[in-house]
Amino acid sequence: MLGPTELADNAGSSVTNMAEYLAAEVVARHCPHLPDAPAGEGQPVVWLEHDPPRAGAPAEYDRVTFAPWRSRAAWLGGTLRRALGTPHWARLDQAAVAALLGQPAAGAGGR
């Protein structure tokens, strides 16, 4: 499972706006056999995007999928980068995040 957290002091592009580039680079670095593997059903990694809590708002989590899951070359700001397909976000509640991480949900009596 991989994924970024948006930093409060980020002065550059947001994690959301860079999702297909960040995911491709992280996966290529940590799972080098996956980006160029033949496309199959499903996605070989779970990519979660995390926005930490802010004044008056709780933390938010999204599961991001990419269609297609295939590495490609793409120009971004004059630099040739890796990119995956078009990202799609699905909001997850705390229980779903806990289940993906193999942890009990908050308030479920676990640690």
PDB file of N, CA and C in Angstrom:
ATOM      1  N   MET A   1       0.855  -1.161   0.000  1.00  0.00           N
ATOM      2  CA  MET A   1       0.000   0.000   0.000  1.00  0.00           C
ATOM      3  C   MET A   1       0.899   1.221   0.000  1.00  0.00           C
ATOM      4  N   LEU A   2       0.593   2.154  -0.874  1.00  0.00           N
ATOM      5  CA  LEU A   2       1.396   3.351  -1.016  1.00  0.00           C
ATOM      6  C   LEU A   2       0.474   4.555  -1.055  1.00  0.00           C
ATOM      7  N   GLY A   3       1.037   5.724  -0.817  1.00  0.00           N
ATOM      8  CA  GLY A   3       0.252   6.925  -0.976  1.00  0.00           C
ATOM      9  C   GLY A   3       0.834   8.111  -0.256  1.00  0.00           C
ATOM     10  N   PRO A   4       0.458   9.291  -0.688  1.00  0.00           N
ATOM     11  CA  PRO A   4       1.008  10.520  -0.126  1.00  0.00           C
ATOM     12  C   PRO A   4       0.073  11.197   0.867  1.00  0.00           C
ATOM     13  N   THR A   5       0.659  12.087   1.651  1.00  0.00           N
ATOM     14  CA  THR A   5      -0.088  12.985   2.526  1.00  0.00           C
ATOM     15  C   THR A   5       0.177  14.397   2.056  1.00  0.00           C
ATOM     16  N   GLU A   6      -0.875  15.168   1.889  1.00  0.00           N
ATOM     17  CA  GLU A   6      -0.732  16.574   1.510  1.00  0.00           C
ATOM     18  C   GLU A   6      -0.186  17.352   2.700  1.00  0.00           C
ATOM     19  N   LEU A   7       0.902  18.071   2.502  1.00  0.00           N
ATOM     20  CA  LEU A   7       1.493  18.875   3.566  1.00  0.00           C
ATOM     21  C   LEU A   7       0.849  20.250   3.621  1.00  0.00           C
ATOM     22  N   ALA A   8       0.623  20.761   4.824  1.00  0.00           N
ATOM     23  CA  ALA A   8      -0.029  22.061   4.990  1.00  0.00           C
ATOM     24  C   ALA A   8       0.801  23.193   4.394  1.00  0.00           C
ATOM     25  N   ASP A   9       2.127  23.070   4.411  1.00  0.00           N
ATOM     26  CA  ASP A   9       2.974  24.152   3.918  1.00  0.00           C
ATOM     27  C   ASP A   9       3.465  23.920   2.481  1.00  0.00           C
ATOM     28  N   ASN A  10       2.805  23.053   1.736  1.00  0.00           N
ATOM     29  CA  ASN A  10       3.182  22.778   0.352  1.00  0.00           C
ATOM     30  C   ASN A  10       2.905  24.008  -0.504  1.00  0.00           C
ATOM     31  N   ALA A  11       3.949  24.595  -1.074  1.00  0.00           N
ATOM     32  CA  ALA A  11       3.797  25.783  -1.922  1.00  0.00           C
ATOM     33  C   ALA A  11       3.702  25.411  -3.399  1.00  0.00           C
ATOM     34  N   GLY A  12       3.906  24.139  -3.728  1.00  0.00           N
ATOM     35  CA  GLY A  12       3.873  23.696  -5.119  1.00  0.00           C
ATOM     36  C   GLY A  12       2.534  23.098  -5.493  1.00  0.00           C
ATOM     37  N   SER A  13       2.555  22.257  -6.511  1.00  0.00           N
ATOM     38  CA  SER A  13       1.339  21.576  -6.955  1.00  0.00           C
ATOM     39  C   SER A  13       0.847  20.640  -5.864  1.00  0.00           C
ATOM     40  N   SER A  14      -0.454  20.487  -5.775  1.00  0.00           N
ATOM     41  CA  SER A  14      -1.026  19.612  -4.753  1.00  0.00           C
ATOM     42  C   SER A  14      -0.819  18.147  -5.127  1.00  0.00           C
ATOM     43  N   VAL A  15      -0.867  17.297  -4.118  1.00  0.00           N
ATOM     44  CA  VAL A  15      -0.785  15.856  -4.326  1.00  0.00           C
ATOM     45  C   VAL A  15      -1.900  15.428  -5.279  1.00  0.00           C
ATOM     46  N   THR A  16      -3.075  15.972  -5.114  1.00  0.00           N
ATOM     47  CA  THR A  16      -4.209  15.618  -5.967  1.00  0.00           C
ATOM     48  C   THR A  16      -3.912  15.928  -7.431  1.00  0.00           C
ATOM     49  N   ASN A  17      -3.346  17.095  -7.703  1.00  0.00           N
ATOM     50  CA  ASN A  17      -3.075  17.485  -9.088  1.00  0.00           C
ATOM     51  C   ASN A  17      -1.916  16.718  -9.708  1.00  0.00           C
ATOM     52  N   MET A  18      -1.127  16.048  -8.896  1.00  0.00           N
ATOM     53  CA  MET A  18       0.037  15.312  -9.386  1.00  0.00           C
ATOM     54  C   MET A  18      -0.113  13.798  -9.215  1.00  0.00           C
ATOM     55  N   ALA A  19      -1.299  13.323  -8.892  1.00  0.00           N
ATOM     56  CA  ALA A  19      -1.504  11.922  -8.506  1.00  0.00           C
ATOM     57  C   ALA A  19      -0.927  10.927  -9.505  1.00  0.00           C
ATOM     58  N   GLU A  20      -1.233  11.067 -10.794  1.00  0.00           N
ATOM     59  CA  GLU A  20      -0.774  10.069 -11.764  1.00  0.00           C
ATOM     60  C   GLU A  20       0.744  10.086 -11.942  1.00  0.00           C
ATOM     61  N   TYR A  21       1.381  11.240 -11.692  1.00  0.00           N
ATOM     62  CA  TYR A  21       2.843  11.339 -11.791  1.00  0.00           C
ATOM     63  C   TYR A  21       3.513  10.807 -10.521  1.00  0.00           C
ATOM     64  N   LEU A  22       2.995  11.218  -9.360  1.00  0.00           N
ATOM     65  CA  LEU A  22       3.560  10.752  -8.089  1.00  0.00           C
ATOM     66  C   LEU A  22       3.444   9.243  -7.951  1.00  0.00           C
ATOM     67  N   ALA A  23       2.275   8.713  -8.265  1.00  0.00           N
ATOM     68  CA  ALA A  23       2.069   7.266  -8.147  1.00  0.00           C
ATOM     69  C   ALA A  23       3.028   6.514  -9.061  1.00  0.00           C
ATOM     70  N   ALA A  24       3.175   6.963 -10.294  1.00  0.00           N
ATOM     71  CA  ALA A  24       4.072   6.278 -11.233  1.00  0.00           C
ATOM     72  C   ALA A  24       5.512   6.302 -10.745  1.00  0.00           C
ATOM     73  N   GLU A  25       5.959   7.441 -10.216  1.00  0.00           N
ATOM     74  CA  GLU A  25       7.341   7.550  -9.732  1.00  0.00           C
ATOM     75  C   GLU A  25       7.577   6.714  -8.479  1.00  0.00           C
ATOM     76  N   VAL A  26       6.652   6.749  -7.539  1.00  0.00           N
ATOM     77  CA  VAL A  26       6.800   5.979  -6.300  1.00  0.00           C
ATOM     78  C   VAL A  26       6.778   4.480  -6.600  1.00  0.00           C
ATOM     79  N   VAL A  27       5.846   4.055  -7.421  1.00  0.00           N
ATOM     80  CA  VAL A  27       5.746   2.628  -7.756  1.00  0.00           C
ATOM     81  C   VAL A  27       6.993   2.185  -8.518  1.00  0.00           C
ATOM     82  N   ALA A  28       7.476   2.994  -9.454  1.00  0.00           N
ATOM     83  CA  ALA A  28       8.682   2.625 -10.212  1.00  0.00           C
ATOM     84  C   ALA A  28       9.886   2.480  -9.289  1.00  0.00           C
ATOM     85  N   ARG A  29       9.960   3.320  -8.273  1.00  0.00           N
ATOM     86  CA  ARG A  29      11.106   3.275  -7.359  1.00  0.00           C
ATOM     87  C   ARG A  29      11.021   2.101  -6.379  1.00  0.00           C
ATOM     88  N   HIS A  30       9.830   1.865  -5.820  1.00  0.00           N
ATOM     89  CA  HIS A  30       9.691   0.863  -4.759  1.00  0.00           C
ATOM     90  C   HIS A  30       9.199  -0.502  -5.244  1.00  0.00           C
ATOM     91  N   CYS A  31       8.573  -0.537  -6.397  1.00  0.00           N
ATOM     92  CA  CYS A  31       8.058  -1.793  -6.972  1.00  0.00           C
ATOM     93  C   CYS A  31       8.381  -1.784  -8.467  1.00  0.00           C
ATOM     94  N   PRO A  32       9.666  -1.825  -8.835  1.00  0.00           N
ATOM     95  CA  PRO A  32      10.065  -1.588 -10.230  1.00  0.00           C
ATOM     96  C   PRO A  32       9.483  -2.559 -11.250  1.00  0.00           C
ATOM     97  N   HIS A  33       9.010  -3.714 -10.825  1.00  0.00           N
ATOM     98  CA  HIS A  33       8.424  -4.680 -11.750  1.00  0.00           C
ATOM     99  C   HIS A  33       6.974  -4.338 -12.119  1.00  0.00           C
ATOM    100  N   LEU A  34       6.324  -3.420 -11.403  1.00  0.00           N
ATOM    101  CA  LEU A  34       4.892  -3.178 -11.616  1.00  0.00           C
ATOM    102  C   LEU A  34       4.529  -2.175 -12.714  1.00  0.00           C
ATOM    103  N   PRO A  35       5.203  -1.037 -12.862  1.00  0.00           N
ATOM    104  CA  PRO A  35       4.693  -0.045 -13.820  1.00  0.00           C
ATOM    105  C   PRO A  35       4.589  -0.531 -15.255  1.00  0.00           C
ATOM    106  N   ASP A  36       5.493  -1.401 -15.678  1.00  0.00           N
ATOM    107  CA  ASP A  36       5.487  -1.839 -17.065  1.00  0.00           C
ATOM    108  C   ASP A  36       4.930  -3.242 -17.245  1.00  0.00           C
ATOM    109  N   ALA A  37       4.368  -3.791 -16.169  1.00  0.00           N
ATOM    110  CA  ALA A  37       3.763  -5.122 -16.252  1.00  0.00           C
ATOM    111  C   ALA A  37       2.511  -5.046 -17.131  1.00  0.00           C
ATOM    112  N   PRO A  38       2.174  -6.137 -17.792  1.00  0.00           N
ATOM    113  CA  PRO A  38       0.958  -6.131 -18.609  1.00  0.00           C
ATOM    114  C   PRO A  38      -0.264  -5.751 -17.765  1.00  0.00           C
ATOM    115  N   ALA A  39      -1.124  -4.946 -18.344  1.00  0.00           N
ATOM    116  CA  ALA A  39      -2.340  -4.538 -17.635  1.00  0.00           C
ATOM    117  C   ALA A  39      -3.203  -5.767 -17.397  1.00  0.00           C
ATOM    118  N   GLY A  40      -3.686  -5.896 -16.200  1.00  0.00           N
ATOM    119  CA  GLY A  40      -4.580  -7.000 -15.861  1.00  0.00           C
ATOM    120  C   GLY A  40      -5.799  -6.420 -15.181  1.00  0.00           C
ATOM    121  N   GLU A  41      -6.603  -7.270 -14.638  1.00  0.00           N
ATOM    122  CA  GLU A  41      -7.752  -6.784 -13.897  1.00  0.00           C
ATOM    123  C   GLU A  41      -7.280  -6.209 -12.576  1.00  0.00           C
ATOM    124  N   GLY A  42      -7.865  -5.109 -12.192  1.00  0.00           N
ATOM    125  CA  GLY A  42      -7.518  -4.508 -10.918  1.00  0.00           C
ATOM    126  C   GLY A  42      -6.215  -3.737 -10.983  1.00  0.00           C
ATOM    127  N   GLN A  43      -5.808  -3.288  -9.857  1.00  0.00           N
ATOM    128  CA  GLN A  43      -4.632  -2.442  -9.733  1.00  0.00           C
ATOM    129  C   GLN A  43      -3.667  -3.136  -8.781  1.00  0.00           C
ATOM    130  N   PRO A  44      -2.370  -3.233  -9.116  1.00  0.00           N
ATOM    131  CA  PRO A  44      -1.456  -4.012  -8.287  1.00  0.00           C
ATOM    132  C   PRO A  44      -1.077  -3.376  -6.953  1.00  0.00           C
ATOM    133  N   VAL A  45      -1.410  -2.133  -6.724  1.00  0.00           N
ATOM    134  CA  VAL A  45      -1.168  -1.495  -5.427  1.00  0.00           C
ATOM    135  C   VAL A  45      -2.416  -0.740  -5.005  1.00  0.00           C
ATOM    136  N   VAL A  46      -2.542  -0.507  -3.701  1.00  0.00           N
ATOM    137  CA  VAL A  46      -3.598   0.358  -3.187  1.00  0.00           C
ATOM    138  C   VAL A  46      -2.956   1.719  -2.968  1.00  0.00           C
ATOM    139  N   TRP A  47      -3.497   2.748  -3.606  1.00  0.00           N
ATOM    140  CA  TRP A  47      -2.966   4.105  -3.503  1.00  0.00           C
ATOM    141  C   TRP A  47      -3.982   4.932  -2.716  1.00  0.00           C
ATOM    142  N   LEU A  48      -3.559   5.379  -1.527  1.00  0.00           N
ATOM    143  CA  LEU A  48      -4.416   6.209  -0.684  1.00  0.00           C
ATOM    144  C   LEU A  48      -3.879   7.620  -0.657  1.00  0.00           C
ATOM    145  N   GLU A  49      -4.770   8.577  -0.779  1.00  0.00           N
ATOM    146  CA  GLU A  49      -4.402   9.986  -0.641  1.00  0.00           C
ATOM    147  C   GLU A  49      -4.946  10.467   0.700  1.00  0.00           C
ATOM    148  N   HIS A  50      -4.132  11.186   1.449  1.00  0.00           N
ATOM    149  CA  HIS A  50      -4.489  11.619   2.802  1.00  0.00           C
ATOM    150  C   HIS A  50      -4.390  13.131   2.910  1.00  0.00           C
ATOM    151  N   ASP A  51      -5.459  13.755   3.357  1.00  0.00           N
ATOM    152  CA  ASP A  51      -5.454  15.174   3.714  1.00  0.00           C
ATOM    153  C   ASP A  51      -5.600  15.226   5.223  1.00  0.00           C
ATOM    154  N   PRO A  52      -4.587  15.740   5.935  1.00  0.00           N
ATOM    155  CA  PRO A  52      -4.650  15.757   7.395  1.00  0.00           C
ATOM    156  C   PRO A  52      -5.751  16.693   7.897  1.00  0.00           C
ATOM    157  N   PRO A  53      -6.132  16.544   9.153  1.00  0.00           N
ATOM    158  CA  PRO A  53      -7.176  17.422   9.699  1.00  0.00           C
ATOM    159  C   PRO A  53      -6.722  18.877   9.672  1.00  0.00           C
ATOM    160  N   ARG A  54      -7.685  19.750   9.455  1.00  0.00           N
ATOM    161  CA  ARG A  54      -7.440  21.191   9.475  1.00  0.00           C
ATOM    162  C   ARG A  54      -8.455  21.804  10.414  1.00  0.00           C
ATOM    163  N   ALA A  55      -8.286  23.055  10.718  1.00  0.00           N
ATOM    164  CA  ALA A  55      -9.189  23.744  11.649  1.00  0.00           C
ATOM    165  C   ALA A  55     -10.648  23.465  11.286  1.00  0.00           C
ATOM    166  N   GLY A  56     -11.332  22.773  12.169  1.00  0.00           N
ATOM    167  CA  GLY A  56     -12.751  22.497  11.982  1.00  0.00           C
ATOM    168  C   GLY A  56     -13.077  21.389  10.994  1.00  0.00           C
ATOM    169  N   ALA A  57     -12.068  20.731  10.428  1.00  0.00           N
ATOM    170  CA  ALA A  57     -12.338  19.664   9.452  1.00  0.00           C
ATOM    171  C   ALA A  57     -11.504  18.430   9.801  1.00  0.00           C
ATOM    172  N   PRO A  58     -12.111  17.264   9.741  1.00  0.00           N
ATOM    173  CA  PRO A  58     -11.372  16.036  10.058  1.00  0.00           C
ATOM    174  C   PRO A  58     -10.437  15.637   8.909  1.00  0.00           C
ATOM    175  N   ALA A  59      -9.580  14.689   9.170  1.00  0.00           N
ATOM    176  CA  ALA A  59      -8.729  14.124   8.119  1.00  0.00           C
ATOM    177  C   ALA A  59      -9.618  13.482   7.059  1.00  0.00           C
ATOM    178  N   GLU A  60      -9.141  13.495   5.838  1.00  0.00           N
ATOM    179  CA  GLU A  60      -9.871  12.865   4.738  1.00  0.00           C
ATOM    180  C   GLU A  60      -8.949  11.879   4.032  1.00  0.00           C
ATOM    181  N   TYR A  61      -9.544  10.779   3.580  1.00  0.00           N
ATOM    182  CA  TYR A  61      -8.811   9.749   2.864  1.00  0.00           C
ATOM    183  C   TYR A  61      -9.564   9.417   1.586  1.00  0.00           C
ATOM    184  N   ASP A  62      -8.817   9.220   0.516  1.00  0.00           N
ATOM    185  CA  ASP A  62      -9.392   8.787  -0.749  1.00  0.00           C
ATOM    186  C   ASP A  62      -8.565   7.632  -1.294  1.00  0.00           C
ATOM    187  N   ARG A  63      -9.255   6.643  -1.834  1.00  0.00           N
ATOM    188  CA  ARG A  63      -8.572   5.594  -2.580  1.00  0.00           C
ATOM    189  C   ARG A  63      -8.539   6.067  -4.024  1.00  0.00           C
ATOM    190  N   VAL A  64      -7.339   6.062  -4.599  1.00  0.00           N
ATOM    191  CA  VAL A  64      -7.180   6.551  -5.966  1.00  0.00           C
ATOM    192  C   VAL A  64      -6.875   5.358  -6.866  1.00  0.00           C
ATOM    193  N   THR A  65      -7.639   5.235  -7.936  1.00  0.00           N
ATOM    194  CA  THR A  65      -7.378   4.220  -8.944  1.00  0.00           C
ATOM    195  C   THR A  65      -7.010   4.933 -10.235  1.00  0.00           C
ATOM    196  N   PHE A  66      -6.293   4.244 -11.091  1.00  0.00           N
ATOM    197  CA  PHE A  66      -5.808   4.839 -12.333  1.00  0.00           C
ATOM    198  C   PHE A  66      -6.261   3.979 -13.501  1.00  0.00           C
ATOM    199  N   ALA A  67      -6.841   4.628 -14.510  1.00  0.00           N
ATOM    200  CA  ALA A  67      -7.339   3.900 -15.675  1.00  0.00           C
ATOM    201  C   ALA A  67      -6.701   4.482 -16.936  1.00  0.00           C
ATOM    202  N   PRO A  68      -5.908   3.694 -17.615  1.00  0.00           N
ATOM    203  CA  PRO A  68      -5.491   2.344 -17.270  1.00  0.00           C
ATOM    204  C   PRO A  68      -4.308   2.366 -16.308  1.00  0.00           C
ATOM    205  N   TRP A  69      -4.050   1.212 -15.681  1.00  0.00           N
ATOM    206  CA  TRP A  69      -2.861   1.055 -14.853  1.00  0.00           C
ATOM    207  C   TRP A  69      -1.737   0.656 -15.816  1.00  0.00           C
ATOM    208  N   ARG A  70      -1.129   1.652 -16.387  1.00  0.00           N
ATOM    209  CA  ARG A  70      -0.045   1.412 -17.328  1.00  0.00           C
ATOM    210  C   ARG A  70       0.858   2.627 -17.295  1.00  0.00           C
ATOM    211  N   SER A  71       2.148   2.399 -17.169  1.00  0.00           N
ATOM    212  CA  SER A  71       3.110   3.489 -17.146  1.00  0.00           C
ATOM    213  C   SER A  71       3.276   4.057 -18.557  1.00  0.00           C
ATOM    214  N   ARG A  72       3.373   5.371 -18.638  1.00  0.00           N
ATOM    215  CA  ARG A  72       3.592   6.034 -19.922  1.00  0.00           C
ATOM    216  C   ARG A  72       4.515   7.222 -19.685  1.00  0.00           C
ATOM    217  N   ALA A  73       5.126   7.694 -20.735  1.00  0.00           N
ATOM    218  CA  ALA A  73       5.942   8.904 -20.648  1.00  0.00           C
ATOM    219  C   ALA A  73       5.034  10.106 -20.881  1.00  0.00           C
ATOM    220  N   ALA A  74       5.228  11.158 -20.099  1.00  0.00           N
ATOM    221  CA  ALA A  74       4.410  12.370 -20.234  1.00  0.00           C
ATOM    222  C   ALA A  74       5.265  13.589 -19.922  1.00  0.00           C
ATOM    223  N   TRP A  75       5.071  14.639 -20.685  1.00  0.00           N
ATOM    224  CA  TRP A  75       5.781  15.891 -20.421  1.00  0.00           C
ATOM    225  C   TRP A  75       5.019  16.686 -19.379  1.00  0.00           C
ATOM    226  N   LEU A  76       5.750  17.190 -18.394  1.00  0.00           N
ATOM    227  CA  LEU A  76       5.146  18.004 -17.337  1.00  0.00           C
ATOM    228  C   LEU A  76       6.125  19.114 -16.996  1.00  0.00           C
ATOM    229  N   GLY A  77       5.734  20.346 -17.278  1.00  0.00           N
ATOM    230  CA  GLY A  77       6.596  21.488 -16.981  1.00  0.00           C
ATOM    231  C   GLY A  77       7.954  21.405 -17.652  1.00  0.00           C
ATOM    232  N   GLY A  78       8.009  20.884 -18.869  1.00  0.00           N
ATOM    233  CA  GLY A  78       9.259  20.780 -19.602  1.00  0.00           C
ATOM    234  C   GLY A  78      10.128  19.602 -19.205  1.00  0.00           C
ATOM    235  N   THR A  79       9.614  18.718 -18.357  1.00  0.00           N
ATOM    236  CA  THR A  79      10.362  17.547 -17.907  1.00  0.00           C
ATOM    237  C   THR A  79       9.616  16.291 -18.311  1.00  0.00           C
ATOM    238  N   LEU A  80      10.342  15.330 -18.870  1.00  0.00           N
ATOM    239  CA  LEU A  80       9.735  14.053 -19.220  1.00  0.00           C
ATOM    240  C   LEU A  80       9.628  13.209 -17.958  1.00  0.00           C
ATOM    241  N   ARG A  81       8.420  12.785 -17.629  1.00  0.00           N
ATOM    242  CA  ARG A  81       8.159  12.014 -16.407  1.00  0.00           C
ATOM    243  C   ARG A  81       7.383  10.751 -16.738  1.00  0.00           C
ATOM    244  N   ARG A  82       7.316   9.864 -15.759  1.00  0.00           N
ATOM    245  CA  ARG A  82       6.413   8.711 -15.841  1.00  0.00           C
ATOM    246  C   ARG A  82       5.037   9.181 -15.388  1.00  0.00           C
ATOM    247  N   ALA A  83       4.008   8.548 -15.900  1.00  0.00           N
ATOM    248  CA  ALA A  83       2.647   8.821 -15.447  1.00  0.00           C
ATOM    249  C   ALA A  83       1.822   7.557 -15.614  1.00  0.00           C
ATOM    250  N   LEU A  84       0.809   7.433 -14.780  1.00  0.00           N
ATOM    251  CA  LEU A  84      -0.177   6.359 -14.939  1.00  0.00           C
ATOM    252  C   LEU A  84      -1.389   6.951 -15.645  1.00  0.00           C
ATOM    253  N   GLY A  85      -2.429   6.158 -15.799  1.00  0.00           N
ATOM    254  CA  GLY A  85      -3.647   6.622 -16.458  1.00  0.00           C
ATOM    255  C   GLY A  85      -4.395   7.661 -15.631  1.00  0.00           C
ATOM    256  N   THR A  86      -5.565   8.002 -16.080  1.00  0.00           N
ATOM    257  CA  THR A  86      -6.393   9.026 -15.442  1.00  0.00           C
ATOM    258  C   THR A  86      -6.785   8.601 -14.032  1.00  0.00           C
ATOM    259  N   PRO A  87      -6.531   9.471 -13.026  1.00  0.00           N
ATOM    260  CA  PRO A  87      -6.884   9.114 -11.652  1.00  0.00           C
ATOM    261  C   PRO A  87      -8.375   9.302 -11.367  1.00  0.00           C
ATOM    262  N   HIS A  88      -8.898   8.440 -10.507  1.00  0.00           N
ATOM    263  CA  HIS A  88     -10.285   8.535 -10.034  1.00  0.00           C
ATOM    264  C   HIS A  88     -10.253   8.370  -8.518  1.00  0.00           C
ATOM    265  N   TRP A  89     -10.956   9.270  -7.809  1.00  0.00           N
ATOM    266  CA  TRP A  89     -10.927   9.284  -6.347  1.00  0.00           C
ATOM    267  C   TRP A  89     -12.231   8.754  -5.779  1.00  0.00           C
ATOM    268  N   ALA A  90     -12.123   7.961  -4.709  1.00  0.00           N
ATOM    269  CA  ALA A  90     -13.294   7.473  -3.967  1.00  0.00           C
ATOM    270  C   ALA A  90     -13.021   7.735  -2.492  1.00  0.00           C
ATOM    271  N   ARG A  91     -13.857   8.546  -1.867  1.00  0.00           N
ATOM    272  CA  ARG A  91     -13.690   8.884  -0.449  1.00  0.00           C
ATOM    273  C   ARG A  91     -13.872   7.643   0.401  1.00  0.00           C
ATOM    274  N   LEU A  92     -13.018   7.489   1.403  1.00  0.00           N
ATOM    275  CA  LEU A  92     -13.097   6.372   2.339  1.00  0.00           C
ATOM    276  C   LEU A  92     -13.370   6.895   3.742  1.00  0.00           C
ATOM    277  N   ASP A  93     -14.196   6.180   4.480  1.00  0.00           N
ATOM    278  CA  ASP A  93     -14.387   6.560   5.875  1.00  0.00           C
ATOM    279  C   ASP A  93     -13.293   5.896   6.709  1.00  0.00           C
ATOM    280  N   GLN A  94     -13.240   6.240   7.973  1.00  0.00           N
ATOM    281  CA  GLN A  94     -12.178   5.767   8.858  1.00  0.00           C
ATOM    282  C   GLN A  94     -12.179   4.243   8.983  1.00  0.00           C
ATOM    283  N   ALA A  95     -13.346   3.631   8.994  1.00  0.00           N
ATOM    284  CA  ALA A  95     -13.426   2.173   9.102  1.00  0.00           C
ATOM    285  C   ALA A  95     -12.824   1.504   7.865  1.00  0.00           C
ATOM    286  N   ALA A  96     -13.073   2.041   6.684  1.00  0.00           N
ATOM    287  CA  ALA A  96     -12.520   1.475   5.453  1.00  0.00           C
ATOM    288  C   ALA A  96     -11.001   1.612   5.424  1.00  0.00           C
ATOM    289  N   VAL A  97     -10.492   2.746   5.872  1.00  0.00           N
ATOM    290  CA  VAL A  97      -9.041   2.947   5.932  1.00  0.00           C
ATOM    291  C   VAL A  97      -8.422   1.960   6.918  1.00  0.00           C
ATOM    292  N   ALA A  98      -9.037   1.808   8.088  1.00  0.00           N
ATOM    293  CA  ALA A  98      -8.537   0.875   9.097  1.00  0.00           C
ATOM    294  C   ALA A  98      -8.508  -0.549   8.540  1.00  0.00           C
ATOM    295  N   ALA A  99      -9.551  -0.929   7.812  1.00  0.00           N
ATOM    296  CA  ALA A  99      -9.605  -2.273   7.235  1.00  0.00           C
ATOM    297  C   ALA A  99      -8.487  -2.476   6.211  1.00  0.00           C
ATOM    298  N   LEU A 100      -8.233  -1.476   5.377  1.00  0.00           N
ATOM    299  CA  LEU A 100      -7.146  -1.581   4.405  1.00  0.00           C
ATOM    300  C   LEU A 100      -5.787  -1.697   5.079  1.00  0.00           C
ATOM    301  N   LEU A 101      -5.639  -1.015   6.212  1.00  0.00           N
ATOM    302  CA  LEU A 101      -4.379  -1.037   6.941  1.00  0.00           C
ATOM    303  C   LEU A 101      -4.272  -2.228   7.889  1.00  0.00           C
ATOM    304  N   GLY A 102      -5.346  -3.033   7.985  1.00  0.00           N
ATOM    305  CA  GLY A 102      -5.344  -4.190   8.861  1.00  0.00           C
ATOM    306  C   GLY A 102      -5.420  -3.825  10.327  1.00  0.00           C
ATOM    307  N   GLN A 103      -6.128  -2.723  10.621  1.00  0.00           N
ATOM    308  CA  GLN A 103      -6.271  -2.254  11.995  1.00  0.00           C
ATOM    309  C   GLN A 103      -7.743  -2.170  12.351  1.00  0.00           C
ATOM    310  N   PRO A 104      -8.069  -2.289  13.630  1.00  0.00           N
ATOM    311  CA  PRO A 104      -9.472  -2.107  14.024  1.00  0.00           C
ATOM    312  C   PRO A 104      -9.881  -0.644  13.848  1.00  0.00           C
ATOM    313  N   ALA A 105     -11.132  -0.434  13.514  1.00  0.00           N
ATOM    314  CA  ALA A 105     -11.657   0.924  13.370  1.00  0.00           C
ATOM    315  C   ALA A 105     -11.700   1.604  14.730  1.00  0.00           C
ATOM    316  N   ALA A 106     -11.594   2.915  14.708  1.00  0.00           N
ATOM    317  CA  ALA A 106     -11.691   3.691  15.949  1.00  0.00           C
ATOM    318  C   ALA A 106     -13.010   3.379  16.640  1.00  0.00           C
ATOM    319  N   GLY A 107     -12.969   3.172  17.934  1.00  0.00           N
ATOM    320  CA  GLY A 107     -14.182   2.876  18.683  1.00  0.00           C
ATOM    321  C   GLY A 107     -14.602   1.418  18.630  1.00  0.00           C
ATOM    322  N   ALA A 108     -13.777   0.566  17.993  1.00  0.00           N
ATOM    323  CA  ALA A 108     -14.144  -0.850  17.878  1.00  0.00           C
ATOM    324  C   ALA A 108     -13.574  -1.676  19.006  1.00  0.00           C
ATOM    325  N   GLY A 109     -12.985  -1.021  20.004  1.00  0.00           N
ATOM    326  CA  GLY A 109     -12.470  -1.745  21.155  1.00  0.00           C
ATOM    327  C   GLY A 109     -11.057  -2.243  20.991  1.00  0.00           C
ATOM    328  N   GLY A 110     -10.428  -1.966  19.809  1.00  0.00           N
ATOM    329  CA  GLY A 110      -9.048  -2.390  19.599  1.00  0.00           C
ATOM    330  C   GLY A 110      -8.081  -1.267  19.912  1.00  0.00           C
ATOM    331  N   ARG A 111      -6.820  -1.568  19.771  1.00  0.00           N
ATOM    332  CA  ARG A 111      -5.782  -0.562  19.994  1.00  0.00           C
ATOM    333  C   ARG A 111      -5.389   0.094  18.705  1.00  0.00           C
TER     334      ARG A 111
END
